[in-house]
Amino acid sequence: MDIQGRIVNGDFQKLIWGLLKGEHVDLDSQEYTFLEEGFVDFQNTFRSLGFNLIHELGSGFFYLQRVKVADSSEKRQANQISTLFFVTIQVLQDQETNKTAIDLPYLLNQRGFALEHLLSKRTLPNHLSRIMNGIGIKTDEDMAGILTKMQSMKLIERISDDGIWRFRRGISRLEQLARSYAEDMDGEEE
């Protein structure tokens, strides 16, 4: 479908508003090819609105990044999402008996993970629970709210009603940061 057809049926507006709300458009999305083919035009349009359209070619997704600094509520939400992700990585690594690396292919596992159970205050180790409390995730409901926000950004998706979630390609932004941090820590220990 051409751009005129997408505008008429509302697909174009949904795509734009989704990106502005923080969604990631990945290879699994029908809009991925549309953004890829019109990348320069989209990039110029978003730049005029104060955003950079980022295409993570190697990981296969698009997202918007603000040119100006985010307000404090956006920073708090970003901190909560990042911390929840890093705590998830720590819990998964602690549970991994084969010492398999928690890397992007591991995270993109189609079976998903029981995140609501793994991150529950009932099962989370005390030191990780204190970290979550420190950023305002004090209850299981708070944690579920952050997971829901991450789903609206298309970083994760719920694949079953019993708390199983699957990471999507956009999570590679955080995985790269975690890997970089781990490599820095390894370098300091040597």
Protein backbone atom coordinates (compact mmCIF):
# COMPACT_ATOMS: atom_id res chain seq x y z
CA MET A 1 0.00 0.00 0.00
CA ASP A 2 1.37 3.43 -0.91
CA ILE A 3 1.61 6.38 1.50
CA GLN A 4 -1.69 7.91 0.31
CA GLY A 5 -3.51 4.67 1.04
CA ARG A 6 -1.87 4.47 4.48
CA ILE A 7 -2.92 8.03 5.28
CA VAL A 8 -6.51 7.43 4.18
CA ASN A 9 -6.98 4.25 6.23
CA GLY A 10 -5.26 5.67 9.35
CA ASP A 11 -2.17 3.41 9.37
CA PHE A 12 0.18 6.37 8.94
CA GLN A 13 -1.28 8.26 11.92
CA LYS A 14 -1.13 5.14 14.13
CA LEU A 15 2.52 4.64 13.18
CA ILE A 16 3.46 8.26 13.92
CA TRP A 17 1.59 8.38 17.25
CA GLY A 18 3.01 5.02 18.24
CA LEU A 19 6.58 6.20 17.67
CA LEU A 20 5.88 9.47 19.51
CA LYS A 21 4.58 7.45 22.49
CA GLY A 22 7.84 5.49 22.62
CA GLU A 23 6.98 2.40 20.60
CA HIS A 24 9.67 0.46 18.79
CA VAL A 25 8.91 -0.76 15.27
CA ASP A 26 10.74 -4.02 14.68
CA LEU A 27 11.10 -6.59 11.92
CA ASP A 28 7.93 -8.33 13.14
CA SER A 29 5.89 -5.23 12.33
CA GLN A 30 4.29 -4.48 8.96
CA GLU A 31 5.40 -0.85 9.34
CA TYR A 32 9.10 -1.77 9.41
CA THR A 33 9.43 -1.91 5.60
CA PHE A 34 7.36 1.27 5.26
CA LEU A 35 9.77 3.15 7.58
CA GLU A 36 12.79 1.60 5.90
CA GLU A 37 11.68 2.62 2.40
CA GLY A 38 10.82 6.19 3.44
CA PHE A 39 13.58 6.57 6.03
CA VAL A 40 15.02 9.90 4.79
CA ASP A 41 11.57 11.53 4.56
CA PHE A 42 10.56 10.22 7.99
CA GLN A 43 13.89 11.26 9.46
CA ASN A 44 13.48 14.83 8.18
CA THR A 45 9.88 15.04 9.41
CA PHE A 46 10.73 13.83 12.91
CA ARG A 47 13.79 16.07 13.09
CA SER A 48 11.54 19.08 12.47
CA LEU A 49 9.44 17.90 15.46
CA GLY A 50 12.48 17.67 17.74
CA PHE A 51 13.17 13.93 17.42
CA ASN A 52 15.74 11.76 15.74
CA LEU A 53 14.44 8.64 14.00
CA ILE A 54 16.96 5.95 14.88
CA HIS A 55 17.28 2.83 12.74
CA GLU A 56 19.14 0.06 14.56
CA LEU A 57 19.90 -1.78 11.35
CA GLY A 58 21.83 -4.66 12.90
CA SER A 59 19.11 -5.32 15.48
CA GLY A 60 16.21 -4.64 13.15
CA PHE A 61 14.11 -1.89 14.71
CA PHE A 62 13.27 1.84 14.63
CA TYR A 63 12.58 4.22 17.52
CA LEU A 64 12.50 7.94 18.24
CA GLN A 65 14.98 9.78 20.43
CA ARG A 66 14.31 13.29 21.70
CA VAL A 67 16.76 15.96 20.68
CA LYS A 68 16.18 17.90 23.93
CA VAL A 69 16.51 16.55 27.45
CA ALA A 70 13.47 14.70 28.78
CA ASP A 71 11.46 16.01 31.74
CA SER A 72 11.78 14.45 35.20
CA SER A 73 8.78 12.10 34.82
CA GLU A 74 10.25 10.71 31.58
CA LYS A 75 13.63 10.28 33.28
CA ARG A 76 11.99 8.47 36.21
CA GLN A 77 10.16 6.15 33.85
CA ALA A 78 13.34 5.50 31.85
CA ASN A 79 15.18 4.71 35.10
CA GLN A 80 12.42 2.32 36.17
CA ILE A 81 12.44 0.51 32.81
CA SER A 82 16.25 0.26 32.77
CA THR A 83 16.46 -0.91 36.37
CA LEU A 84 13.69 -3.47 35.89
CA PHE A 85 15.57 -4.81 32.86
CA PHE A 86 18.92 -4.98 34.70
CA VAL A 87 17.29 -6.72 37.69
CA THR A 88 15.71 -9.19 35.25
CA ILE A 89 19.12 -9.93 33.74
CA GLN A 90 20.58 -10.48 37.21
CA VAL A 91 17.77 -12.87 38.21
CA LEU A 92 18.03 -14.80 34.93
CA GLN A 93 21.82 -15.04 35.28
CA ASP A 94 21.52 -16.26 38.89
CA GLN A 95 19.10 -18.98 37.75
CA GLU A 96 21.18 -20.10 34.78
CA THR A 97 22.81 -23.36 35.86
CA ASN A 98 24.78 -23.89 32.65
CA LYS A 99 26.34 -20.43 32.95
CA THR A 100 24.94 -19.58 29.55
CA ALA A 101 25.54 -15.95 28.66
CA ILE A 102 22.46 -13.78 28.96
CA ASP A 103 22.78 -12.16 25.55
CA LEU A 104 20.31 -10.92 22.97
CA PRO A 105 19.58 -14.30 21.34
CA TYR A 106 18.91 -15.73 24.82
CA LEU A 107 16.54 -12.86 25.62
CA LEU A 108 14.67 -13.08 22.30
CA ASN A 109 13.71 -16.67 23.13
CA GLN A 110 10.21 -17.21 21.71
CA ARG A 111 9.06 -19.15 24.80
CA GLY A 112 9.51 -16.08 26.95
CA PHE A 113 10.12 -15.78 30.67
CA ALA A 114 7.90 -15.80 33.75
CA LEU A 115 8.78 -12.17 34.52
CA GLU A 116 5.88 -11.54 36.89
CA HIS A 117 7.04 -14.46 39.05
CA LEU A 118 10.78 -13.75 38.71
CA LEU A 119 10.35 -10.07 39.64
CA SER A 120 7.69 -10.54 42.32
CA LYS A 121 8.47 -9.14 45.76
CA ARG A 122 7.79 -12.66 47.09
CA THR A 123 10.61 -14.23 45.05
CA LEU A 124 13.10 -11.39 44.50
CA PRO A 125 16.28 -11.46 46.62
CA ASN A 126 16.38 -8.70 49.27
CA HIS A 127 19.22 -6.72 47.68
CA LEU A 128 17.36 -6.58 44.34
CA SER A 129 14.08 -5.76 46.07
CA ARG A 130 15.76 -2.77 47.76
CA ILE A 131 17.03 -1.55 44.39
CA MET A 132 13.47 -1.73 43.00
CA ASN A 133 12.11 0.10 46.06
CA GLY A 134 14.68 2.85 45.52
CA ILE A 135 13.25 3.72 42.11
CA GLY A 136 9.61 3.55 43.15
CA ILE A 137 8.76 -0.05 42.24
CA LYS A 138 7.53 -1.05 45.69
CA THR A 139 4.78 -3.56 44.89
CA ASP A 140 4.03 -6.28 42.38
CA GLU A 141 1.41 -3.93 40.94
CA ASP A 142 4.08 -1.26 40.37
CA MET A 143 6.24 -3.87 38.62
CA ALA A 144 3.31 -5.00 36.45
CA GLY A 145 2.70 -1.36 35.52
CA ILE A 146 6.28 -0.99 34.28
CA LEU A 147 5.98 -4.24 32.31
CA THR A 148 2.79 -2.88 30.74
CA LYS A 149 4.59 0.38 29.85
CA MET A 150 7.42 -1.64 28.30
CA GLN A 151 4.80 -3.55 26.31
CA SER A 152 3.28 -0.30 25.05
CA MET A 153 6.78 0.67 23.88
CA LYS A 154 7.09 -2.72 22.16
CA LEU A 155 10.13 -3.71 24.20
CA ILE A 156 8.33 -6.80 25.49
CA GLU A 157 5.04 -8.57 24.89
CA ARG A 158 2.83 -10.68 27.11
CA ILE A 159 2.44 -14.12 25.57
CA SER A 160 0.27 -15.78 28.20
CA ASP A 161 -2.09 -14.87 31.00
CA ASP A 162 0.08 -16.59 33.59
CA GLY A 163 2.79 -13.90 33.54
CA ILE A 164 4.95 -15.09 30.64
CA TRP A 165 6.55 -12.25 28.69
CA ARG A 166 8.76 -12.27 25.60
CA PHE A 167 11.43 -9.69 24.91
CA ARG A 168 11.28 -7.97 21.52
CA ARG A 169 14.13 -6.63 19.39
CA GLY A 170 13.95 -3.11 20.84
CA ILE A 171 15.28 -4.47 24.13
CA SER A 172 18.69 -4.72 22.45
CA ARG A 173 19.19 -1.04 23.35
CA LEU A 174 19.27 -2.03 27.02
CA GLU A 175 21.08 -5.32 26.39
CA GLN A 176 23.93 -3.42 24.69
CA LEU A 177 24.16 -1.10 27.68
CA ALA A 178 24.23 -4.07 30.09
CA ARG A 179 26.90 -5.81 28.04
CA SER A 180 29.01 -2.65 27.92
CA TYR A 181 28.72 -2.25 31.69
CA ALA A 182 29.68 -5.91 32.26
CA GLU A 183 32.72 -5.52 29.99
CA ASP A 184 33.77 -2.36 31.87
CA MET A 185 33.43 -4.20 35.19
CA ASP A 186 35.49 -7.13 33.87
CA GLY A 187 38.20 -4.69 32.75
CA GLU A 188 38.38 -3.12 36.23
CA GLU A 189 38.79 -6.52 37.91
CA GLU A 190 41.87 -7.40 35.84
